[in-house]
Amino acid sequence: MRDRENISQLITDSSPDLIGLIFYEKSPRYIEKSGADAVFYRELDIPKVGVFVDAALETILEKIRDYSLSYVQLHGNEPVEYVHRLKASSPVKIIKVCRVGTAVNWEEIRPFADVVDMFLFDTQTSKFGGSGVQFDWSIMEQYPFETDFLLSGGVNEESVGMIHALSTIVPRLSGIDINSRFESEPGLKDIERISKFKVELKNAVR
């Protein structure tokens, strides 16, 4: 998110658990094109997730300090050794994104399972997220790890039933990452739709 008023309204009206700040220059949601300085984001009373794509470790550590990030989301091809270095350099929680096509190679991501705090499964596209396309969530029924995970990719109001069904099968599903389907334009969230979706989701998973 990168609009001050939109962020403030979202926090007041929808009370999300986390908000994402995109630090990937090629993204239309790139935070440092917002015109708001780091102080504004640092002082927000909500945990913030910094989203990075194959960024230098020094860059990530700088943004953690400047923006008071609670989480770092690694959305690129960062190897497990890189995650170890980040973990040794900062107490920030780490989310590793796995991009899903028609299947998941569980053995390929197994080395991350004991290092990261959460996985996030998103749809494989030519870009890094924000596609609005949903992968086949039934793939996640075979999730083999004890690490919690978030689900992303084409989430919308019609996803509530599928999310509830999957959560009963895979208890490690701990949250949903919503993005482009709840925006009026890149980086500008539709607060009314988000609030309604949150209520419907909460009612479904009781």
C-alpha atoms as a PDB file:
ATOM      1  CA  MET A   1       0.000   0.000   0.000  1.00  0.00           C
ATOM      2  CA  ARG A   2       1.260   3.476  -0.762  1.00  0.00           C
ATOM      3  CA  ASP A   3      -1.514   6.041  -0.267  1.00  0.00           C
ATOM      4  CA  ARG A   4      -1.593   7.688   3.170  1.00  0.00           C
ATOM      5  CA  GLU A   5      -5.326   8.281   3.352  1.00  0.00           C
ATOM      6  CA  ASN A   6      -6.142   4.836   1.978  1.00  0.00           C
ATOM      7  CA  ILE A   7      -3.844   3.161   4.502  1.00  0.00           C
ATOM      8  CA  SER A   8      -5.273   5.106   7.427  1.00  0.00           C
ATOM      9  CA  GLN A   9      -8.836   4.299   6.373  1.00  0.00           C
ATOM     10  CA  LEU A  10      -8.023   0.610   5.912  1.00  0.00           C
ATOM     11  CA  ILE A  11      -6.529   0.338   9.399  1.00  0.00           C
ATOM     12  CA  THR A  12      -9.495   2.175  10.956  1.00  0.00           C
ATOM     13  CA  ASP A  13     -12.300   0.419   9.077  1.00  0.00           C
ATOM     14  CA  SER A  14     -10.946  -3.079   8.384  1.00  0.00           C
ATOM     15  CA  SER A  15      -8.313  -3.745  11.065  1.00  0.00           C
ATOM     16  CA  PRO A  16      -6.090  -6.006   8.920  1.00  0.00           C
ATOM     17  CA  ASP A  17      -3.517  -8.168  10.691  1.00  0.00           C
ATOM     18  CA  LEU A  18      -0.698  -6.971   8.425  1.00  0.00           C
ATOM     19  CA  ILE A  19      -0.115  -4.525   5.590  1.00  0.00           C
ATOM     20  CA  GLY A  20       2.372  -4.987   2.777  1.00  0.00           C
ATOM     21  CA  LEU A  21       4.908  -2.456   1.551  1.00  0.00           C
ATOM     22  CA  ILE A  22       6.377  -3.291  -1.850  1.00  0.00           C
ATOM     23  CA  PHE A  23      10.093  -2.553  -2.250  1.00  0.00           C
ATOM     24  CA  TYR A  24      10.376  -3.883  -5.786  1.00  0.00           C
ATOM     25  CA  GLU A  25      11.046  -1.033  -8.210  1.00  0.00           C
ATOM     26  CA  LYS A  26       9.324  -2.687 -11.174  1.00  0.00           C
ATOM     27  CA  SER A  27       6.043  -3.035  -9.307  1.00  0.00           C
ATOM     28  CA  PRO A  28       3.277  -0.456  -9.853  1.00  0.00           C
ATOM     29  CA  ARG A  29       2.855  -0.630  -6.068  1.00  0.00           C
ATOM     30  CA  TYR A  30       6.487   0.350  -5.377  1.00  0.00           C
ATOM     31  CA  ILE A  31       6.361   2.084  -2.013  1.00  0.00           C
ATOM     32  CA  GLU A  32       9.012   4.710  -2.644  1.00  0.00           C
ATOM     33  CA  LYS A  33       6.983   6.253  -5.454  1.00  0.00           C
ATOM     34  CA  SER A  34       4.241   7.122  -2.983  1.00  0.00           C
ATOM     35  CA  GLY A  35       5.582  10.510  -1.957  1.00  0.00           C
ATOM     36  CA  ALA A  36       5.212   9.559   1.721  1.00  0.00           C
ATOM     37  CA  ASP A  37       8.431   9.340   3.726  1.00  0.00           C
ATOM     38  CA  ALA A  38       9.517   6.400   5.841  1.00  0.00           C
ATOM     39  CA  VAL A  39       8.482   8.175   9.052  1.00  0.00           C
ATOM     40  CA  PHE A  40       4.795   7.904   8.100  1.00  0.00           C
ATOM     41  CA  TYR A  41       5.031   4.149   7.620  1.00  0.00           C
ATOM     42  CA  ARG A  42       7.290   3.622  10.614  1.00  0.00           C
ATOM     43  CA  GLU A  43       4.732   5.216  12.929  1.00  0.00           C
ATOM     44  CA  LEU A  44       1.755   3.162  11.725  1.00  0.00           C
ATOM     45  CA  ASP A  45       0.328   1.102  14.563  1.00  0.00           C
ATOM     46  CA  ILE A  46       0.180  -2.158  12.626  1.00  0.00           C
ATOM     47  CA  PRO A  47       2.746  -4.839  11.720  1.00  0.00           C
ATOM     48  CA  LYS A  48       4.271  -4.165   8.308  1.00  0.00           C
ATOM     49  CA  VAL A  49       5.525  -6.664   5.747  1.00  0.00           C
ATOM     50  CA  GLY A  50       8.290  -5.511   3.435  1.00  0.00           C
ATOM     51  CA  VAL A  51       8.122  -7.306   0.084  1.00  0.00           C
ATOM     52  CA  PHE A  52      11.441  -7.790  -1.752  1.00  0.00           C
ATOM     53  CA  VAL A  53      12.555  -9.527  -4.939  1.00  0.00           C
ATOM     54  CA  ASP A  54      16.167 -10.717  -4.976  1.00  0.00           C
ATOM     55  CA  ALA A  55      17.292  -7.602  -3.100  1.00  0.00           C
ATOM     56  CA  ALA A  56      20.734  -7.150  -1.562  1.00  0.00           C
ATOM     57  CA  LEU A  57      20.812  -8.108   2.111  1.00  0.00           C
ATOM     58  CA  GLU A  58      22.069  -4.633   3.020  1.00  0.00           C
ATOM     59  CA  THR A  59      19.044  -3.095   1.280  1.00  0.00           C
ATOM     60  CA  ILE A  60      16.624  -5.242   3.243  1.00  0.00           C
ATOM     61  CA  LEU A  61      18.322  -4.460   6.556  1.00  0.00           C
ATOM     62  CA  GLU A  62      18.149  -0.749   5.759  1.00  0.00           C
ATOM     63  CA  LYS A  63      14.409  -0.925   5.020  1.00  0.00           C
ATOM     64  CA  ILE A  64      13.762  -2.953   8.169  1.00  0.00           C
ATOM     65  CA  ARG A  65      15.281  -0.112  10.178  1.00  0.00           C
ATOM     66  CA  ASP A  66      13.786   2.778   8.203  1.00  0.00           C
ATOM     67  CA  TYR A  67      10.231   1.408   8.054  1.00  0.00           C
ATOM     68  CA  SER A  68      10.156  -0.632  11.285  1.00  0.00           C
ATOM     69  CA  LEU A  69       9.253  -3.787   9.388  1.00  0.00           C
ATOM     70  CA  SER A  70       7.953  -6.745  11.386  1.00  0.00           C
ATOM     71  CA  TYR A  71       8.169  -9.172   8.463  1.00  0.00           C
ATOM     72  CA  VAL A  72      10.240  -9.553   5.322  1.00  0.00           C
ATOM     73  CA  GLN A  73       8.595 -11.339   2.406  1.00  0.00           C
ATOM     74  CA  LEU A  74      11.080 -12.822  -0.057  1.00  0.00           C
ATOM     75  CA  HIS A  75       9.365 -13.017  -3.413  1.00  0.00           C
ATOM     76  CA  GLY A  76      12.308 -13.835  -5.651  1.00  0.00           C
ATOM     77  CA  ASN A  77      14.725 -16.718  -6.057  1.00  0.00           C
ATOM     78  CA  GLU A  78      16.539 -16.214  -2.774  1.00  0.00           C
ATOM     79  CA  PRO A  79      18.384 -19.419  -1.741  1.00  0.00           C
ATOM     80  CA  VAL A  80      18.160 -20.891   1.733  1.00  0.00           C
ATOM     81  CA  GLU A  81      21.677 -19.621   2.512  1.00  0.00           C
ATOM     82  CA  TYR A  82      20.422 -16.085   1.964  1.00  0.00           C
ATOM     83  CA  VAL A  83      17.569 -16.691   4.410  1.00  0.00           C
ATOM     84  CA  HIS A  84      20.043 -17.924   7.013  1.00  0.00           C
ATOM     85  CA  ARG A  85      22.085 -14.739   6.592  1.00  0.00           C
ATOM     86  CA  LEU A  86      19.004 -12.547   6.964  1.00  0.00           C
ATOM     87  CA  LYS A  87      17.873 -14.478  10.024  1.00  0.00           C
ATOM     88  CA  ALA A  88      21.307 -14.050  11.612  1.00  0.00           C
ATOM     89  CA  SER A  89      21.274 -10.311  10.882  1.00  0.00           C
ATOM     90  CA  SER A  90      17.810  -9.334  12.123  1.00  0.00           C
ATOM     91  CA  PRO A  91      15.036 -10.594  14.422  1.00  0.00           C
ATOM     92  CA  VAL A  92      12.472  -9.823  11.693  1.00  0.00           C
ATOM     93  CA  LYS A  93      10.094 -12.654  10.796  1.00  0.00           C
ATOM     94  CA  ILE A  94      10.584 -14.141   7.332  1.00  0.00           C
ATOM     95  CA  ILE A  95       7.974 -15.166   4.772  1.00  0.00           C
ATOM     96  CA  LYS A  96       9.208 -17.122   1.756  1.00  0.00           C
ATOM     97  CA  VAL A  97       7.044 -17.006  -1.350  1.00  0.00           C
ATOM     98  CA  CYS A  98       6.609 -20.140  -3.429  1.00  0.00           C
ATOM     99  CA  ARG A  99       5.169 -19.570  -6.890  1.00  0.00           C
ATOM    100  CA  VAL A 100       2.859 -22.382  -7.946  1.00  0.00           C
ATOM    101  CA  GLY A 101       2.108 -23.573 -11.452  1.00  0.00           C
ATOM    102  CA  THR A 102       0.483 -26.975 -11.881  1.00  0.00           C
ATOM    103  CA  ALA A 103       2.252 -28.589  -8.926  1.00  0.00           C
ATOM    104  CA  VAL A 104       4.579 -27.949  -5.975  1.00  0.00           C
ATOM    105  CA  ASN A 105       7.946 -29.649  -5.602  1.00  0.00           C
ATOM    106  CA  TRP A 106       7.790 -30.102  -1.829  1.00  0.00           C
ATOM    107  CA  GLU A 107      11.336 -31.457  -1.608  1.00  0.00           C
ATOM    108  CA  GLU A 108      12.650 -28.352  -3.322  1.00  0.00           C
ATOM    109  CA  ILE A 109      11.244 -26.067  -0.638  1.00  0.00           C
ATOM    110  CA  ARG A 110      11.806 -28.420   2.310  1.00  0.00           C
ATOM    111  CA  PRO A 111      15.162 -26.790   3.261  1.00  0.00           C
ATOM    112  CA  PHE A 112      13.269 -23.532   3.945  1.00  0.00           C
ATOM    113  CA  ALA A 113      10.687 -25.124   6.252  1.00  0.00           C
ATOM    114  CA  ASP A 114      12.839 -24.976   9.389  1.00  0.00           C
ATOM    115  CA  VAL A 115      14.234 -21.521   8.626  1.00  0.00           C
ATOM    116  CA  VAL A 116      11.315 -19.287   7.638  1.00  0.00           C
ATOM    117  CA  ASP A 117       8.399 -18.297   9.851  1.00  0.00           C
ATOM    118  CA  MET A 118       5.825 -18.761   7.100  1.00  0.00           C
ATOM    119  CA  PHE A 119       5.476 -19.718   3.482  1.00  0.00           C
ATOM    120  CA  LEU A 120       3.244 -17.840   1.078  1.00  0.00           C
ATOM    121  CA  PHE A 121       1.928 -19.723  -1.949  1.00  0.00           C
ATOM    122  CA  ASP A 122       1.132 -17.533  -4.938  1.00  0.00           C
ATOM    123  CA  THR A 123       0.383 -18.139  -8.592  1.00  0.00           C
ATOM    124  CA  GLN A 124       3.316 -18.603 -10.961  1.00  0.00           C
ATOM    125  CA  THR A 125       3.286 -15.832 -13.579  1.00  0.00           C
ATOM    126  CA  SER A 126       5.837 -13.897 -15.601  1.00  0.00           C
ATOM    127  CA  LYS A 127       5.654 -11.171 -12.945  1.00  0.00           C
ATOM    128  CA  PHE A 128       6.096 -11.287  -9.181  1.00  0.00           C
ATOM    129  CA  GLY A 129       2.550 -11.376  -7.816  1.00  0.00           C
ATOM    130  CA  GLY A 130      -0.451  -9.144  -8.326  1.00  0.00           C
ATOM    131  CA  SER A 131      -1.714 -11.176 -11.286  1.00  0.00           C
ATOM    132  CA  GLY A 132      -5.230 -11.737  -9.967  1.00  0.00           C
ATOM    133  CA  VAL A 133      -4.943 -15.347 -11.156  1.00  0.00           C
ATOM    134  CA  GLN A 134      -5.688 -18.268  -8.845  1.00  0.00           C
ATOM    135  CA  PHE A 135      -3.780 -21.541  -8.959  1.00  0.00           C
ATOM    136  CA  ASP A 136      -5.393 -24.893  -8.144  1.00  0.00           C
ATOM    137  CA  TRP A 137      -5.673 -24.699  -4.357  1.00  0.00           C
ATOM    138  CA  SER A 138      -6.363 -28.427  -4.082  1.00  0.00           C
ATOM    139  CA  ILE A 139      -2.599 -28.832  -4.498  1.00  0.00           C
ATOM    140  CA  MET A 140      -2.261 -27.518  -0.943  1.00  0.00           C
ATOM    141  CA  GLU A 141      -4.160 -30.471   0.489  1.00  0.00           C
ATOM    142  CA  GLN A 142      -0.835 -32.330   0.320  1.00  0.00           C
ATOM    143  CA  TYR A 143       1.054 -29.701   2.332  1.00  0.00           C
ATOM    144  CA  PRO A 144       3.661 -31.712   4.311  1.00  0.00           C
ATOM    145  CA  PHE A 145       5.290 -29.243   6.726  1.00  0.00           C
ATOM    146  CA  GLU A 146       4.678 -27.913  10.239  1.00  0.00           C
ATOM    147  CA  THR A 147       5.438 -24.355   9.080  1.00  0.00           C
ATOM    148  CA  ASP A 148       2.400 -22.088   8.797  1.00  0.00           C
ATOM    149  CA  PHE A 149       1.534 -20.716   5.380  1.00  0.00           C
ATOM    150  CA  LEU A 150      -0.444 -17.947   3.716  1.00  0.00           C
ATOM    151  CA  LEU A 151      -2.481 -18.354   0.561  1.00  0.00           C
ATOM    152  CA  SER A 152      -2.494 -15.809  -2.241  1.00  0.00           C
ATOM    153  CA  GLY A 153      -3.281 -15.462  -5.930  1.00  0.00           C
ATOM    154  CA  GLY A 154      -6.647 -14.364  -7.254  1.00  0.00           C
ATOM    155  CA  VAL A 155      -8.360 -14.276  -3.870  1.00  0.00           C
ATOM    156  CA  ASN A 156     -11.803 -12.630  -4.058  1.00  0.00           C
ATOM    157  CA  GLU A 157     -15.220 -12.776  -2.379  1.00  0.00           C
ATOM    158  CA  GLU A 158     -16.047 -16.053  -4.113  1.00  0.00           C
ATOM    159  CA  SER A 159     -12.997 -17.679  -2.502  1.00  0.00           C
ATOM    160  CA  VAL A 160     -14.481 -17.804   1.003  1.00  0.00           C
ATOM    161  CA  GLY A 161     -15.959 -21.298   0.663  1.00  0.00           C
ATOM    162  CA  MET A 162     -12.747 -22.749  -0.774  1.00  0.00           C
ATOM    163  CA  ILE A 163     -10.643 -21.116   1.941  1.00  0.00           C
ATOM    164  CA  HIS A 164     -12.866 -22.558   4.644  1.00  0.00           C
ATOM    165  CA  ALA A 165     -12.796 -26.030   3.088  1.00  0.00           C
ATOM    166  CA  LEU A 166      -9.006 -26.004   2.745  1.00  0.00           C
ATOM    167  CA  SER A 167      -8.492 -24.756   6.310  1.00  0.00           C
ATOM    168  CA  THR A 168     -10.373 -27.788   7.661  1.00  0.00           C
ATOM    169  CA  ILE A 169      -8.041 -30.110   5.753  1.00  0.00           C
ATOM    170  CA  VAL A 170      -4.770 -28.223   6.258  1.00  0.00           C
ATOM    171  CA  PRO A 171      -4.638 -26.546   9.698  1.00  0.00           C
ATOM    172  CA  ARG A 172      -1.342 -24.826   8.849  1.00  0.00           C
ATOM    173  CA  LEU A 173      -3.221 -22.425   6.572  1.00  0.00           C
ATOM    174  CA  SER A 174      -2.939 -19.384   8.827  1.00  0.00           C
ATOM    175  CA  GLY A 175      -4.020 -16.476   6.650  1.00  0.00           C
ATOM    176  CA  ILE A 176      -4.924 -14.980   3.289  1.00  0.00           C
ATOM    177  CA  ASP A 177      -2.941 -12.410   1.345  1.00  0.00           C
ATOM    178  CA  ILE A 178      -5.282 -10.204  -0.704  1.00  0.00           C
ATOM    179  CA  ASN A 179      -4.069  -7.852  -3.374  1.00  0.00           C
ATOM    180  CA  SER A 180      -5.182  -6.920  -6.887  1.00  0.00           C
ATOM    181  CA  ARG A 181      -8.759  -8.264  -6.685  1.00  0.00           C
ATOM    182  CA  PHE A 182      -9.422  -5.791  -3.853  1.00  0.00           C
ATOM    183  CA  GLU A 183      -7.953  -2.719  -5.517  1.00  0.00           C
ATOM    184  CA  SER A 184      -9.513   0.070  -7.545  1.00  0.00           C
ATOM    185  CA  GLU A 185      -6.044   0.663  -9.005  1.00  0.00           C
ATOM    186  CA  PRO A 186      -2.574  -0.711  -8.146  1.00  0.00           C
ATOM    187  CA  GLY A 187      -1.798   0.121  -4.536  1.00  0.00           C
ATOM    188  CA  LEU A 188      -5.225   1.631  -3.766  1.00  0.00           C
ATOM    189  CA  LYS A 189      -7.416  -0.724  -1.745  1.00  0.00           C
ATOM    190  CA  ASP A 190     -11.217  -0.915  -1.928  1.00  0.00           C
ATOM    191  CA  ILE A 191     -11.947  -0.574   1.788  1.00  0.00           C
ATOM    192  CA  GLU A 192     -15.640  -1.513   1.587  1.00  0.00           C
ATOM    193  CA  ARG A 193     -14.926  -4.747  -0.289  1.00  0.00           C
ATOM    194  CA  ILE A 194     -12.122  -5.688   2.094  1.00  0.00           C
ATOM    195  CA  SER A 195     -14.282  -5.084   5.174  1.00  0.00           C
ATOM    196  CA  LYS A 196     -17.108  -7.175   3.736  1.00  0.00           C
ATOM    197  CA  PHE A 197     -14.738  -9.968   2.735  1.00  0.00           C
ATOM    198  CA  LYS A 198     -13.172 -10.062   6.199  1.00  0.00           C
ATOM    199  CA  VAL A 199     -16.578 -10.423   7.860  1.00  0.00           C
ATOM    200  CA  GLU A 200     -17.641 -13.194   5.455  1.00  0.00           C
ATOM    201  CA  LEU A 201     -14.367 -15.051   5.944  1.00  0.00           C
ATOM    202  CA  LYS A 202     -14.535 -14.790   9.726  1.00  0.00           C
ATOM    203  CA  ASN A 203     -18.093 -16.106   9.743  1.00  0.00           C
ATOM    204  CA  ALA A 204     -17.164 -19.000   7.473  1.00  0.00           C
ATOM    205  CA  VAL A 205     -14.207 -20.269   9.482  1.00  0.00           C
ATOM    206  CA  ARG A 206     -15.774 -20.113  12.959  1.00  0.00           C
END
